[in-house]
Every structure is written in C-alpha cells, then in structure tokens.
C-alpha cells in the first residue's frame, strides 16, 4: 500500500481512529527512540488516549526526565497544535494535508551515524515483534523483553 496525502482532521469512524492511534503511537515512540539514539538526547513522551489511558516512553528514567523538566527555569521552546499549524502555513502548507518531507532533517551520513542507523534498523524487528502495552508499575512489556535480551532502551549504540 502506497503513501498518500491525508487530511489532518479527526477521523470519524471509531475503529479507523483506534487503528490509526495504535499505529501512529508506535511510530511516534519509534521516532522518539531513534532521536534519542542518533542525537544522544533524553526524551520523555506522554500520551493519553481518548479514554485517559496513559502510554509513555522515556529514553532513560521517566521520573528523572520529568524532574529535570519541572526544575528547568531557562527559556525554552514550547509548542502547541496552533503553533505547528501556523508554522506549516508559513512554509506554504495549508494545514490540512500532511506535509511532504522537506529534507531539512537529513542525517549526516558519517560512518558512525550510518552504524547507529543500522543498529536502529536492526531493533525495528524487536519493536515489531513485541507490542507496547502498559503494565502495572508504569513499565512496558517491550522494555521487560528488551532487558531480557541484555539491551537497555537508554543504551548508547
């Protein structure tokens, strides 16, 4: 199935909305993981679905990242949906279609980055085989399985 532009608006069909949520949530967590590995940064991602069910991802310990966030007093970038729509309009997108890649986020193809990217691709199969489902103490099933394989999500590749 090929990719095509879609209208960025609420999906009316509940089943399609749930399927889209599940797929995009996984994609967002995967991108957060890749960003943390490739750019050596700390990431905390918190998602509440329509029924207030919590899903989270953290490149290190979630509590430490959130504590760092709450204690951060310097000016920083903070965006809302309205900010993103305005930025897209300024770039020439009408705000309804998903934007085309603009090439601004290309990765430097040094041998070190290529190796990190290859390792990231190798872990894709791990993520695909192991669903991300909430467990009791704010951990996820996949993180427990990753630990069993002696790989940690915060491990530098």
N, C-alpha and C. Protein backbone atom coordinates (compact mmCIF):
# COMPACT_ATOMS: atom_id res chain seq x y z
N UNK A 1 0.84 -1.17 0.00
CA UNK A 1 0.00 0.00 0.00
C UNK A 1 0.89 1.24 0.00
N UNK A 2 0.65 2.13 -0.93
CA UNK A 2 1.48 3.31 -1.07
C UNK A 2 1.08 4.42 -0.10
N UNK A 3 1.96 5.39 0.01
CA UNK A 3 1.68 6.54 0.87
C UNK A 3 0.97 7.60 0.05
N UNK A 4 0.08 8.31 0.69
CA UNK A 4 -0.61 9.40 0.03
C UNK A 4 -0.90 10.48 1.06
N UNK A 5 -1.20 11.67 0.58
CA UNK A 5 -1.56 12.75 1.48
C UNK A 5 -2.91 12.45 2.10
N UNK A 6 -3.03 12.76 3.37
CA UNK A 6 -4.31 12.60 4.04
C UNK A 6 -4.71 13.93 4.65
N UNK A 7 -5.99 14.09 4.87
CA UNK A 7 -6.48 15.29 5.55
C UNK A 7 -6.17 15.13 7.03
N UNK A 8 -5.57 16.15 7.62
CA UNK A 8 -5.28 16.12 9.05
C UNK A 8 -6.50 16.70 9.76
N UNK A 9 -7.39 15.81 10.11
CA UNK A 9 -8.60 16.16 10.85
C UNK A 9 -9.04 14.91 11.59
N UNK A 10 -9.95 15.09 12.55
CA UNK A 10 -10.41 13.98 13.36
C UNK A 10 -11.01 12.89 12.47
N UNK A 11 -10.63 11.64 12.73
CA UNK A 11 -11.18 10.51 11.99
C UNK A 11 -12.53 10.17 12.60
N UNK A 12 -13.57 10.17 11.78
CA UNK A 12 -14.93 9.99 12.30
C UNK A 12 -15.24 8.54 12.66
N UNK A 13 -14.75 7.59 11.88
CA UNK A 13 -15.00 6.18 12.16
C UNK A 13 -14.16 5.74 13.36
N UNK A 14 -14.85 5.26 14.40
CA UNK A 14 -14.17 4.92 15.65
C UNK A 14 -13.13 3.82 15.48
N UNK A 15 -13.44 2.80 14.70
CA UNK A 15 -12.49 1.70 14.50
C UNK A 15 -11.24 2.19 13.76
N UNK A 16 -11.43 2.96 12.70
CA UNK A 16 -10.30 3.51 11.96
C UNK A 16 -9.46 4.44 12.84
N UNK A 17 -10.14 5.22 13.69
CA UNK A 17 -9.44 6.13 14.60
C UNK A 17 -8.57 5.34 15.57
N UNK A 18 -9.10 4.22 16.11
CA UNK A 18 -8.33 3.40 17.05
C UNK A 18 -7.14 2.75 16.37
N UNK A 19 -7.33 2.23 15.17
CA UNK A 19 -6.23 1.62 14.42
C UNK A 19 -5.16 2.66 14.12
N UNK A 20 -5.58 3.84 13.68
CA UNK A 20 -4.63 4.91 13.39
C UNK A 20 -3.88 5.32 14.65
N UNK A 21 -4.60 5.43 15.78
CA UNK A 21 -3.96 5.79 17.04
C UNK A 21 -2.88 4.78 17.39
N UNK A 22 -3.21 3.50 17.31
CA UNK A 22 -2.25 2.45 17.67
C UNK A 22 -1.01 2.50 16.78
N UNK A 23 -1.22 2.61 15.47
CA UNK A 23 -0.09 2.63 14.55
C UNK A 23 0.76 3.88 14.74
N UNK A 24 0.12 5.03 14.85
CA UNK A 24 0.88 6.28 14.98
C UNK A 24 1.55 6.40 16.34
N UNK A 25 0.94 5.86 17.37
CA UNK A 25 1.56 5.85 18.70
C UNK A 25 2.86 5.06 18.64
N UNK A 26 2.81 3.89 18.02
CA UNK A 26 4.01 3.09 17.86
C UNK A 26 5.06 3.84 17.05
N UNK A 27 4.63 4.46 15.95
CA UNK A 27 5.56 5.22 15.11
C UNK A 27 6.19 6.38 15.85
N UNK A 28 5.40 7.05 16.68
CA UNK A 28 5.92 8.17 17.46
C UNK A 28 6.95 7.69 18.48
N UNK A 29 6.66 6.58 19.14
CA UNK A 29 7.61 6.03 20.11
C UNK A 29 8.89 5.56 19.42
N UNK A 30 8.74 4.99 18.25
CA UNK A 30 9.91 4.55 17.49
C UNK A 30 10.77 5.75 17.10
N UNK A 31 10.13 6.83 16.63
CA UNK A 31 10.87 8.05 16.26
C UNK A 31 11.54 8.66 17.48
N UNK A 32 10.87 8.63 18.63
CA UNK A 32 11.48 9.16 19.86
C UNK A 32 12.71 8.34 20.22
N UNK A 33 12.62 7.02 20.10
CA UNK A 33 13.76 6.15 20.37
C UNK A 33 14.92 6.47 19.42
N UNK A 34 14.60 6.57 18.13
CA UNK A 34 15.64 6.86 17.14
C UNK A 34 16.31 8.20 17.41
N UNK A 35 15.52 9.22 17.74
CA UNK A 35 16.07 10.54 18.05
C UNK A 35 16.98 10.47 19.26
N UNK A 36 16.58 9.73 20.28
CA UNK A 36 17.42 9.63 21.48
C UNK A 36 18.74 8.94 21.18
N UNK A 37 18.72 7.92 20.32
CA UNK A 37 19.94 7.20 19.98
C UNK A 37 20.83 8.02 19.05
N UNK A 38 20.24 8.53 17.98
CA UNK A 38 21.03 9.24 16.97
C UNK A 38 21.60 10.55 17.49
N UNK A 39 20.85 11.24 18.32
CA UNK A 39 21.26 12.58 18.77
C UNK A 39 21.70 12.61 20.22
N UNK A 40 21.76 11.46 20.88
CA UNK A 40 22.20 11.36 22.26
C UNK A 40 21.47 12.37 23.14
N UNK A 41 20.13 12.30 23.14
CA UNK A 41 19.34 13.22 23.95
C UNK A 41 18.34 12.44 24.80
N UNK A 42 17.87 13.09 25.85
CA UNK A 42 16.87 12.49 26.71
C UNK A 42 15.48 12.86 26.19
N UNK A 43 14.60 11.88 26.16
CA UNK A 43 13.25 12.10 25.65
C UNK A 43 12.25 11.48 26.61
N UNK A 44 11.18 12.22 26.87
CA UNK A 44 10.04 11.70 27.61
C UNK A 44 8.81 11.99 26.76
N UNK A 45 8.05 10.96 26.50
CA UNK A 45 6.85 11.08 25.68
C UNK A 45 5.68 10.56 26.50
N UNK A 46 4.65 11.39 26.65
CA UNK A 46 3.47 11.02 27.43
C UNK A 46 2.26 11.16 26.52
N UNK A 47 1.45 10.12 26.44
CA UNK A 47 0.26 10.13 25.59
C UNK A 47 -0.93 9.65 26.42
N UNK A 48 -2.01 10.40 26.38
CA UNK A 48 -3.28 9.97 26.95
C UNK A 48 -4.24 9.77 25.79
N UNK A 49 -4.87 8.61 25.70
CA UNK A 49 -5.83 8.40 24.62
C UNK A 49 -7.17 9.04 24.99
N UNK A 50 -8.17 8.84 24.15
CA UNK A 50 -9.47 9.49 24.36
C UNK A 50 -10.15 9.06 25.66
N UNK A 51 -9.81 7.89 26.18
CA UNK A 51 -10.40 7.43 27.44
C UNK A 51 -9.44 7.58 28.62
N UNK A 52 -8.47 8.48 28.47
CA UNK A 52 -7.49 8.80 29.52
C UNK A 52 -6.58 7.64 29.92
N UNK A 53 -6.36 6.71 29.02
CA UNK A 53 -5.39 5.65 29.27
C UNK A 53 -4.00 6.21 28.96
N UNK A 54 -3.06 5.98 29.86
CA UNK A 54 -1.71 6.53 29.75
C UNK A 54 -0.79 5.58 29.00
N UNK A 55 -0.02 6.15 28.07
CA UNK A 55 1.07 5.46 27.40
C UNK A 55 2.28 6.36 27.53
N UNK A 56 3.42 5.79 27.82
CA UNK A 56 4.61 6.62 27.99
C UNK A 56 5.84 5.93 27.42
N UNK A 57 6.80 6.77 27.04
CA UNK A 57 8.11 6.30 26.60
C UNK A 57 9.12 7.27 27.18
N UNK A 58 10.22 6.75 27.68
CA UNK A 58 11.32 7.59 28.13
C UNK A 58 12.62 6.92 27.72
N UNK A 59 13.54 7.73 27.23
CA UNK A 59 14.83 7.19 26.80
C UNK A 59 15.67 6.76 27.99
N UNK A 60 15.42 7.36 29.13
CA UNK A 60 16.06 6.96 30.38
C UNK A 60 14.94 6.77 31.40
N UNK A 61 15.13 7.17 32.62
CA UNK A 61 14.11 7.04 33.65
C UNK A 61 13.11 8.20 33.52
N UNK A 62 11.83 7.89 33.38
CA UNK A 62 10.79 8.90 33.20
C UNK A 62 10.78 9.90 34.35
N UNK A 63 10.88 9.42 35.58
CA UNK A 63 10.84 10.32 36.73
C UNK A 63 12.00 11.31 36.71
N UNK A 64 13.18 10.87 36.34
CA UNK A 64 14.33 11.77 36.27
C UNK A 64 14.15 12.83 35.19
N UNK A 65 13.62 12.43 34.03
CA UNK A 65 13.40 13.39 32.95
C UNK A 65 12.33 14.40 33.35
N UNK A 66 11.25 13.94 33.98
CA UNK A 66 10.19 14.86 34.41
C UNK A 66 10.67 15.80 35.51
N UNK A 67 11.50 15.30 36.42
CA UNK A 67 12.07 16.16 37.46
C UNK A 67 12.95 17.23 36.83
N UNK A 68 13.76 16.84 35.88
CA UNK A 68 14.60 17.79 35.15
C UNK A 68 13.73 18.85 34.47
N UNK A 69 12.61 18.43 33.89
CA UNK A 69 11.69 19.35 33.22
C UNK A 69 11.08 20.34 34.21
N UNK A 70 10.61 19.84 35.35
CA UNK A 70 9.96 20.74 36.31
C UNK A 70 10.94 21.71 36.95
N UNK A 71 12.20 21.33 37.04
CA UNK A 71 13.20 22.22 37.64
C UNK A 71 13.87 23.14 36.64
N UNK A 72 13.55 23.01 35.36
CA UNK A 72 14.17 23.80 34.30
C UNK A 72 13.58 25.20 34.30
N UNK A 73 14.43 26.22 34.50
CA UNK A 73 13.94 27.59 34.63
C UNK A 73 14.33 28.50 33.48
N UNK A 74 15.10 28.03 32.54
CA UNK A 74 15.55 28.87 31.44
C UNK A 74 14.50 28.90 30.33
N UNK A 75 14.55 29.93 29.47
CA UNK A 75 13.61 29.97 28.34
C UNK A 75 13.82 28.75 27.45
N UNK A 76 12.72 28.22 26.93
CA UNK A 76 12.81 27.04 26.09
C UNK A 76 11.67 27.02 25.08
N UNK A 77 11.83 26.17 24.08
CA UNK A 77 10.82 26.04 23.03
C UNK A 77 9.65 25.20 23.55
N UNK A 78 8.47 25.72 23.39
CA UNK A 78 7.26 25.01 23.78
C UNK A 78 6.21 25.26 22.70
N UNK A 79 5.66 24.20 22.14
CA UNK A 79 4.73 24.35 21.01
C UNK A 79 3.39 23.69 21.29
N UNK A 80 2.37 24.25 20.64
CA UNK A 80 1.03 23.69 20.70
C UNK A 80 0.60 23.36 19.27
N UNK A 81 -0.58 22.76 19.12
CA UNK A 81 -1.10 22.49 17.78
C UNK A 81 -1.21 23.77 16.96
N UNK A 82 -1.67 24.85 17.59
CA UNK A 82 -1.81 26.13 16.87
C UNK A 82 -0.46 26.61 16.34
N UNK A 83 0.60 26.43 17.12
CA UNK A 83 1.94 26.84 16.67
C UNK A 83 2.39 26.02 15.46
N UNK A 84 2.12 24.73 15.48
CA UNK A 84 2.51 23.86 14.37
C UNK A 84 1.74 24.25 13.11
N UNK A 85 0.44 24.49 13.24
CA UNK A 85 -0.37 24.89 12.08
C UNK A 85 0.14 26.20 11.51
N UNK A 86 0.47 27.15 12.36
CA UNK A 86 1.00 28.44 11.88
C UNK A 86 2.33 28.26 11.16
N UNK A 87 3.20 27.43 11.70
CA UNK A 87 4.49 27.15 11.05
C UNK A 87 4.28 26.51 9.68
N UNK A 88 3.35 25.57 9.59
CA UNK A 88 3.05 24.92 8.31
C UNK A 88 2.50 25.92 7.30
N UNK A 89 1.65 26.81 7.76
CA UNK A 89 1.10 27.84 6.85
C UNK A 89 2.20 28.74 6.32
N UNK A 90 3.14 29.11 7.19
CA UNK A 90 4.25 29.96 6.76
C UNK A 90 5.13 29.25 5.74
N UNK A 91 5.23 27.91 5.86
CA UNK A 91 6.03 27.14 4.91
C UNK A 91 5.28 26.85 3.62
N UNK A 92 4.01 27.25 3.56
CA UNK A 92 3.24 27.06 2.34
C UNK A 92 2.29 25.89 2.37
N UNK A 93 2.18 25.19 3.49
CA UNK A 93 1.21 24.11 3.60
C UNK A 93 -0.10 24.71 4.07
N UNK A 94 -1.22 24.13 3.67
CA UNK A 94 -2.50 24.70 4.06
C UNK A 94 -2.97 24.25 5.43
N UNK A 95 -2.22 23.40 6.11
CA UNK A 95 -2.56 23.00 7.47
C UNK A 95 -3.45 21.77 7.54
N UNK A 96 -4.01 21.34 6.42
CA UNK A 96 -4.90 20.19 6.42
C UNK A 96 -4.23 18.93 5.89
N UNK A 97 -3.33 19.07 4.96
CA UNK A 97 -2.65 17.91 4.41
C UNK A 97 -1.38 17.64 5.19
N UNK A 98 -0.99 16.39 5.23
CA UNK A 98 0.28 16.10 5.88
C UNK A 98 1.39 16.63 4.99
N UNK A 99 2.40 17.26 5.57
CA UNK A 99 3.46 17.89 4.77
C UNK A 99 4.36 16.86 4.11
N UNK A 100 4.92 17.25 2.99
CA UNK A 100 5.93 16.44 2.33
C UNK A 100 7.25 16.62 3.06
N UNK A 101 8.11 15.63 3.08
CA UNK A 101 9.43 15.82 3.68
C UNK A 101 10.16 16.94 2.95
N UNK A 102 10.78 17.84 3.73
CA UNK A 102 11.47 18.97 3.11
C UNK A 102 12.97 18.81 3.08
N UNK A 103 13.49 17.71 3.60
CA UNK A 103 14.93 17.46 3.53
C UNK A 103 15.72 18.19 4.60
N UNK A 104 15.07 19.00 5.44
CA UNK A 104 15.81 19.75 6.45
C UNK A 104 16.32 18.86 7.57
N UNK A 105 15.70 17.70 7.74
CA UNK A 105 16.10 16.83 8.85
C UNK A 105 16.97 15.67 8.39
N UNK A 106 17.70 15.85 7.33
CA UNK A 106 18.57 14.78 6.85
C UNK A 106 19.70 14.52 7.84
N UNK A 107 20.11 13.29 7.89
CA UNK A 107 21.14 12.87 8.84
C UNK A 107 22.49 12.86 8.16
N UNK A 108 23.49 13.38 8.84
CA UNK A 108 24.86 13.33 8.33
C UNK A 108 25.25 11.87 8.18
N UNK A 109 25.70 11.48 7.00
CA UNK A 109 25.99 10.08 6.72
C UNK A 109 27.44 9.73 7.00
N UNK A 110 27.93 10.10 8.16
CA UNK A 110 29.27 9.69 8.55
C UNK A 110 29.22 8.20 8.89
N UNK A 111 30.36 7.51 8.87
CA UNK A 111 30.36 6.08 9.20
C UNK A 111 29.76 5.80 10.58
N UNK A 112 30.01 6.68 11.56
CA UNK A 112 29.47 6.48 12.90
C UNK A 112 27.95 6.55 12.87
N UNK A 113 27.39 7.56 12.21
CA UNK A 113 25.94 7.69 12.13
C UNK A 113 25.32 6.56 11.33
N UNK A 114 25.99 6.12 10.26
CA UNK A 114 25.47 5.01 9.48
C UNK A 114 25.39 3.75 10.33
N UNK A 115 26.41 3.51 11.16
CA UNK A 115 26.40 2.34 12.04
C UNK A 115 25.27 2.44 13.06
N UNK A 116 25.08 3.63 13.65
CA UNK A 116 23.98 3.82 14.60
C UNK A 116 22.65 3.58 13.91
N UNK A 117 22.52 4.06 12.69
CA UNK A 117 21.27 3.90 11.95
C UNK A 117 21.01 2.43 11.65
N UNK A 118 22.06 1.69 11.27
CA UNK A 118 21.91 0.26 11.02
C UNK A 118 21.45 -0.46 12.27
N UNK A 119 22.04 -0.12 13.41
CA UNK A 119 21.64 -0.76 14.66
C UNK A 119 20.20 -0.40 15.01
N UNK A 120 19.81 0.82 14.72
CA UNK A 120 18.42 1.24 14.95
C UNK A 120 17.48 0.42 14.09
N UNK A 121 17.84 0.21 12.83
CA UNK A 121 17.01 -0.60 11.93
C UNK A 121 16.93 -2.04 12.42
N UNK A 122 18.04 -2.56 12.96
CA UNK A 122 18.03 -3.93 13.47
C UNK A 122 17.05 -4.07 14.64
N UNK A 123 16.91 -3.03 15.44
CA UNK A 123 16.00 -3.09 16.57
C UNK A 123 14.54 -2.91 16.16
N UNK A 124 14.30 -2.46 14.93
CA UNK A 124 12.93 -2.34 14.44
C UNK A 124 12.19 -3.66 14.56
N UNK A 125 12.86 -4.74 14.21
CA UNK A 125 12.21 -6.05 14.28
C UNK A 125 11.85 -6.40 15.71
N UNK A 126 12.67 -6.00 16.68
CA UNK A 126 12.37 -6.22 18.08
C UNK A 126 11.10 -5.48 18.46
N UNK A 127 10.98 -4.22 18.04
CA UNK A 127 9.79 -3.44 18.35
C UNK A 127 8.56 -4.01 17.68
N UNK A 128 8.70 -4.48 16.44
CA UNK A 128 7.55 -5.02 15.71
C UNK A 128 7.07 -6.33 16.32
N UNK A 129 7.99 -7.14 16.81
CA UNK A 129 7.63 -8.43 17.38
C UNK A 129 7.05 -8.29 18.78
N UNK A 130 7.35 -7.20 19.47
CA UNK A 130 6.97 -7.04 20.85
C UNK A 130 6.05 -5.84 21.00
N UNK A 131 4.77 -6.04 21.26
CA UNK A 131 3.85 -4.91 21.35
C UNK A 131 4.13 -4.04 22.56
N UNK A 132 3.81 -2.76 22.42
CA UNK A 132 3.96 -1.82 23.53
C UNK A 132 2.62 -1.78 24.24
N UNK A 133 2.57 -2.36 25.44
CA UNK A 133 1.33 -2.38 26.19
C UNK A 133 1.65 -1.98 27.62
N UNK A 134 0.80 -1.16 28.23
CA UNK A 134 1.05 -0.74 29.60
C UNK A 134 1.02 -1.91 30.56
N UNK A 135 1.87 -1.87 31.56
CA UNK A 135 1.88 -2.85 32.63
C UNK A 135 1.64 -2.12 33.94
N UNK A 136 1.73 -2.82 35.03
CA UNK A 136 1.39 -2.27 36.32
C UNK A 136 2.13 -1.04 36.78
N UNK A 137 3.44 -1.07 36.86
CA UNK A 137 4.19 0.00 37.50
C UNK A 137 4.82 0.95 36.49
N UNK A 138 4.02 1.43 35.55
CA UNK A 138 4.47 2.39 34.53
C UNK A 138 5.60 1.86 33.67
N UNK A 139 5.73 0.57 33.58
CA UNK A 139 6.71 -0.04 32.68
C UNK A 139 5.95 -0.59 31.50
N UNK A 140 6.65 -1.02 30.49
CA UNK A 140 6.01 -1.58 29.32
C UNK A 140 6.55 -2.97 29.06
N UNK A 141 5.70 -3.80 28.47
CA UNK A 141 6.08 -5.17 28.18
C UNK A 141 7.35 -5.23 27.37
N UNK A 142 7.47 -4.35 26.36
CA UNK A 142 8.65 -4.42 25.50
C UNK A 142 9.91 -4.09 26.25
N UNK A 143 9.85 -3.20 27.26
CA UNK A 143 11.08 -2.86 27.98
C UNK A 143 11.55 -4.04 28.81
N UNK A 144 10.60 -4.83 29.34
CA UNK A 144 10.99 -6.03 30.08
C UNK A 144 11.64 -7.04 29.15
N UNK A 145 11.11 -7.19 27.95
CA UNK A 145 11.69 -8.13 26.99
C UNK A 145 13.04 -7.65 26.49
N UNK A 146 13.21 -6.34 26.36
CA UNK A 146 14.49 -5.79 25.95
C UNK A 146 15.53 -6.09 27.03
N UNK A 147 15.15 -5.91 28.30
CA UNK A 147 16.08 -6.20 29.40
C UNK A 147 16.49 -7.67 29.39
N UNK A 148 15.55 -8.57 29.06
CA UNK A 148 15.87 -9.99 29.00
C UNK A 148 16.92 -10.27 27.94
N UNK A 149 16.99 -9.45 26.92
CA UNK A 149 17.98 -9.62 25.86
C UNK A 149 19.25 -8.84 26.17
N UNK A 150 19.35 -8.33 27.38
CA UNK A 150 20.50 -7.56 27.86
C UNK A 150 20.77 -6.32 27.02
N UNK A 151 19.70 -5.71 26.52
CA UNK A 151 19.79 -4.43 25.82
C UNK A 151 18.89 -3.48 26.59
N UNK A 152 19.37 -2.29 26.88
CA UNK A 152 18.53 -1.32 27.55
C UNK A 152 18.13 -0.24 26.58
N UNK A 153 16.90 0.34 26.71
CA UNK A 153 16.46 1.39 25.80
C UNK A 153 17.37 2.61 25.83
N UNK A 154 18.04 2.86 26.95
CA UNK A 154 18.90 4.03 27.03
C UNK A 154 20.33 3.73 26.61
N UNK A 155 20.57 2.51 26.18
CA UNK A 155 21.91 2.08 25.79
C UNK A 155 22.41 2.87 24.59
N UNK A 156 23.63 3.33 24.65
CA UNK A 156 24.22 4.06 23.53
C UNK A 156 24.65 3.06 22.48
N UNK A 157 24.16 3.28 21.26
CA UNK A 157 24.50 2.34 20.19
C UNK A 157 25.72 2.80 19.47
